[in-house]
N, C-alpha and C. Protein backbone atom coordinates (compact mmCIF):
# COMPACT_ATOMS: atom_id res chain seq x y z
N UNK A 1 1.48 -0.59 11.69
CA UNK A 1 1.49 -1.76 10.83
C UNK A 1 0.29 -1.76 9.89
N UNK A 2 -0.87 -1.41 10.40
CA UNK A 2 -2.06 -1.37 9.57
C UNK A 2 -1.89 -0.34 8.46
N UNK A 3 -1.36 0.84 8.80
CA UNK A 3 -1.14 1.88 7.81
C UNK A 3 -0.18 1.39 6.73
N UNK A 4 0.88 0.72 7.13
CA UNK A 4 1.85 0.21 6.17
C UNK A 4 1.20 -0.80 5.23
N UNK A 5 0.40 -1.69 5.77
CA UNK A 5 -0.28 -2.68 4.93
C UNK A 5 -1.26 -2.01 3.97
N UNK A 6 -2.01 -1.03 4.47
CA UNK A 6 -2.96 -0.31 3.63
C UNK A 6 -2.23 0.44 2.51
N UNK A 7 -1.11 1.07 2.87
CA UNK A 7 -0.34 1.83 1.87
C UNK A 7 0.18 0.88 0.78
N UNK A 8 0.78 -0.21 1.18
CA UNK A 8 1.35 -1.14 0.20
C UNK A 8 0.28 -1.84 -0.62
N UNK A 9 -0.96 -1.88 -0.13
CA UNK A 9 -2.06 -2.51 -0.87
C UNK A 9 -2.60 -1.60 -1.97
N UNK A 10 -2.26 -0.31 -1.91
CA UNK A 10 -2.73 0.61 -2.95
C UNK A 10 -2.09 0.28 -4.29
N UNK A 11 -2.78 0.66 -5.34
CA UNK A 11 -2.26 0.51 -6.69
C UNK A 11 -0.91 1.22 -6.78
N UNK A 12 0.11 0.58 -7.35
CA UNK A 12 1.44 1.21 -7.45
C UNK A 12 1.42 2.56 -8.17
N UNK A 13 0.52 2.72 -9.13
CA UNK A 13 0.43 4.01 -9.84
C UNK A 13 -0.04 5.11 -8.89
N UNK A 14 -0.98 4.79 -8.04
CA UNK A 14 -1.49 5.75 -7.06
C UNK A 14 -0.38 6.12 -6.08
N UNK A 15 0.33 5.09 -5.60
CA UNK A 15 1.44 5.35 -4.68
C UNK A 15 2.48 6.23 -5.34
N UNK A 16 2.78 5.97 -6.59
CA UNK A 16 3.75 6.77 -7.33
C UNK A 16 3.34 8.22 -7.45
N UNK A 17 2.07 8.44 -7.71
CA UNK A 17 1.57 9.82 -7.84
C UNK A 17 1.66 10.56 -6.51
N UNK A 18 1.33 9.87 -5.43
CA UNK A 18 1.41 10.50 -4.11
C UNK A 18 2.87 10.85 -3.80
N UNK A 19 3.78 9.93 -4.08
CA UNK A 19 5.19 10.18 -3.80
C UNK A 19 5.72 11.33 -4.65
N UNK A 20 5.41 11.31 -5.93
CA UNK A 20 5.87 12.39 -6.81
C UNK A 20 5.30 13.73 -6.38
N UNK A 21 4.02 13.76 -6.07
CA UNK A 21 3.40 15.00 -5.63
C UNK A 21 3.98 15.51 -4.32
N UNK A 22 4.30 14.59 -3.44
CA UNK A 22 4.88 14.99 -2.15
C UNK A 22 6.26 15.61 -2.34
N UNK A 23 7.10 14.97 -3.14
CA UNK A 23 8.44 15.51 -3.38
C UNK A 23 8.34 16.85 -4.10
N UNK A 24 7.44 16.94 -5.07
CA UNK A 24 7.25 18.20 -5.79
C UNK A 24 6.80 19.31 -4.86
N UNK A 25 5.97 18.97 -3.89
CA UNK A 25 5.45 19.97 -2.95
C UNK A 25 6.51 20.55 -2.04
N UNK A 26 7.66 19.91 -1.95
CA UNK A 26 8.75 20.49 -1.17
C UNK A 26 9.19 21.84 -1.74
N UNK A 27 8.89 22.07 -3.00
CA UNK A 27 9.25 23.33 -3.65
C UNK A 27 8.19 24.41 -3.51
N UNK A 28 7.17 24.17 -2.75
CA UNK A 28 6.10 25.14 -2.59
C UNK A 28 6.59 26.42 -1.91
N UNK A 29 5.95 27.51 -2.23
CA UNK A 29 6.25 28.78 -1.57
C UNK A 29 5.61 28.85 -0.20
N UNK A 30 4.71 27.94 0.10
CA UNK A 30 3.97 27.97 1.36
C UNK A 30 4.59 27.01 2.37
N UNK A 31 4.99 27.54 3.49
CA UNK A 31 5.66 26.77 4.51
C UNK A 31 4.84 25.57 4.98
N UNK A 32 3.54 25.75 5.18
CA UNK A 32 2.70 24.65 5.66
C UNK A 32 2.63 23.51 4.66
N UNK A 33 2.65 23.84 3.38
CA UNK A 33 2.64 22.80 2.35
C UNK A 33 3.96 22.03 2.39
N UNK A 34 5.07 22.75 2.50
CA UNK A 34 6.38 22.08 2.59
C UNK A 34 6.46 21.17 3.80
N UNK A 35 5.96 21.64 4.94
CA UNK A 35 5.99 20.83 6.15
C UNK A 35 5.14 19.57 6.01
N UNK A 36 3.96 19.72 5.44
CA UNK A 36 3.08 18.57 5.25
C UNK A 36 3.72 17.57 4.28
N UNK A 37 4.33 18.08 3.22
CA UNK A 37 5.00 17.20 2.25
C UNK A 37 6.13 16.43 2.92
N UNK A 38 6.90 17.10 3.75
CA UNK A 38 8.00 16.44 4.46
C UNK A 38 7.47 15.33 5.38
N UNK A 39 6.36 15.57 6.02
CA UNK A 39 5.78 14.55 6.90
C UNK A 39 5.28 13.35 6.11
N UNK A 40 4.66 13.62 4.97
CA UNK A 40 4.17 12.52 4.12
C UNK A 40 5.36 11.71 3.60
N UNK A 41 6.39 12.39 3.12
CA UNK A 41 7.58 11.70 2.61
C UNK A 41 8.21 10.85 3.71
N UNK A 42 8.30 11.40 4.90
CA UNK A 42 8.90 10.68 6.02
C UNK A 42 8.12 9.40 6.33
N UNK A 43 6.81 9.51 6.37
CA UNK A 43 5.99 8.33 6.70
C UNK A 43 6.08 7.27 5.60
N UNK A 44 5.99 7.69 4.36
CA UNK A 44 6.08 6.73 3.25
C UNK A 44 7.46 6.09 3.23
N UNK A 45 8.50 6.89 3.43
CA UNK A 45 9.86 6.36 3.43
C UNK A 45 10.04 5.32 4.54
N UNK A 46 9.44 5.57 5.69
CA UNK A 46 9.52 4.62 6.80
C UNK A 46 8.91 3.28 6.41
N UNK A 47 7.87 3.33 5.59
CA UNK A 47 7.20 2.10 5.16
C UNK A 47 7.97 1.43 4.02
N UNK A 48 8.39 2.22 3.04
CA UNK A 48 8.91 1.64 1.80
C UNK A 48 10.41 1.37 1.77
N UNK A 49 11.21 2.24 2.35
CA UNK A 49 12.66 2.08 2.20
C UNK A 49 13.21 0.76 2.73
N UNK A 50 12.65 0.19 3.80
CA UNK A 50 13.18 -1.11 4.23
C UNK A 50 12.89 -2.26 3.25
N UNK A 51 11.98 -2.04 2.31
CA UNK A 51 11.60 -3.08 1.36
C UNK A 51 12.43 -2.92 0.07
N UNK A 52 13.09 -3.97 -0.37
CA UNK A 52 13.89 -3.88 -1.60
C UNK A 52 13.04 -3.44 -2.79
N UNK A 53 13.58 -2.54 -3.59
CA UNK A 53 12.92 -2.11 -4.81
C UNK A 53 11.83 -1.08 -4.64
N UNK A 54 11.67 -0.55 -3.44
CA UNK A 54 10.63 0.44 -3.19
C UNK A 54 11.25 1.83 -3.04
N UNK A 55 10.79 2.76 -3.81
CA UNK A 55 11.20 4.16 -3.78
C UNK A 55 12.72 4.30 -3.81
N UNK A 56 13.32 3.57 -4.74
CA UNK A 56 14.77 3.57 -4.88
C UNK A 56 15.34 4.94 -5.23
N UNK A 57 14.53 5.79 -5.87
CA UNK A 57 15.04 7.09 -6.30
C UNK A 57 14.79 8.21 -5.30
N UNK A 58 14.26 7.91 -4.12
CA UNK A 58 13.96 8.96 -3.15
C UNK A 58 15.20 9.74 -2.74
N UNK A 59 16.23 9.05 -2.33
CA UNK A 59 17.42 9.75 -1.82
C UNK A 59 18.03 10.64 -2.90
N UNK A 60 18.08 10.14 -4.13
CA UNK A 60 18.64 10.95 -5.21
C UNK A 60 17.76 12.16 -5.50
N UNK A 61 16.44 11.98 -5.46
CA UNK A 61 15.52 13.10 -5.68
C UNK A 61 15.69 14.17 -4.60
N UNK A 62 15.82 13.74 -3.35
CA UNK A 62 16.01 14.70 -2.26
C UNK A 62 17.36 15.39 -2.39
N UNK A 63 18.39 14.64 -2.72
CA UNK A 63 19.72 15.24 -2.89
C UNK A 63 19.71 16.24 -4.04
N UNK A 64 19.09 15.88 -5.15
CA UNK A 64 19.00 16.79 -6.28
C UNK A 64 18.26 18.07 -5.89
N UNK A 65 17.22 17.92 -5.12
CA UNK A 65 16.44 19.08 -4.71
C UNK A 65 17.26 20.00 -3.80
N UNK A 66 17.99 19.40 -2.87
CA UNK A 66 18.78 20.20 -1.92
C UNK A 66 19.93 20.89 -2.63
N UNK A 67 20.61 20.19 -3.52
CA UNK A 67 21.79 20.73 -4.18
C UNK A 67 21.41 21.74 -5.26
N UNK A 68 20.36 21.45 -6.02
CA UNK A 68 19.98 22.30 -7.14
C UNK A 68 18.46 22.46 -7.22
N UNK A 69 17.84 23.13 -6.27
CA UNK A 69 16.36 23.22 -6.29
C UNK A 69 15.81 23.89 -7.55
N UNK A 70 16.57 24.81 -8.12
CA UNK A 70 16.05 25.51 -9.30
C UNK A 70 16.07 24.65 -10.55
N UNK A 71 16.90 23.61 -10.59
CA UNK A 71 16.97 22.79 -11.78
C UNK A 71 16.44 21.38 -11.58
N UNK A 72 16.00 21.07 -10.36
CA UNK A 72 15.50 19.73 -10.10
C UNK A 72 14.06 19.59 -10.60
N UNK A 73 13.63 18.37 -10.74
CA UNK A 73 12.27 18.09 -11.16
C UNK A 73 11.29 18.63 -10.14
N UNK A 74 11.69 18.63 -8.88
CA UNK A 74 10.80 19.03 -7.81
C UNK A 74 10.84 20.52 -7.56
N UNK A 75 11.83 21.22 -8.08
CA UNK A 75 12.01 22.63 -7.75
C UNK A 75 11.17 23.52 -8.57
């Protein structure tokens, strides 16, 4: 709960950069980077997805990456 409150208290621009960087890192050539990015995405999603209007584009970004990694923003 404390982590969730601290995360949501951050400037929305900062949160956006962390989220974008995490999704982008899924395309890394380094396995450890991909794993860390997946963990960060999972934790942020756990905090934000239950809240209306938060990270609405996550599922589409992940789907785009899985279906077309070479042409996605994150790939």
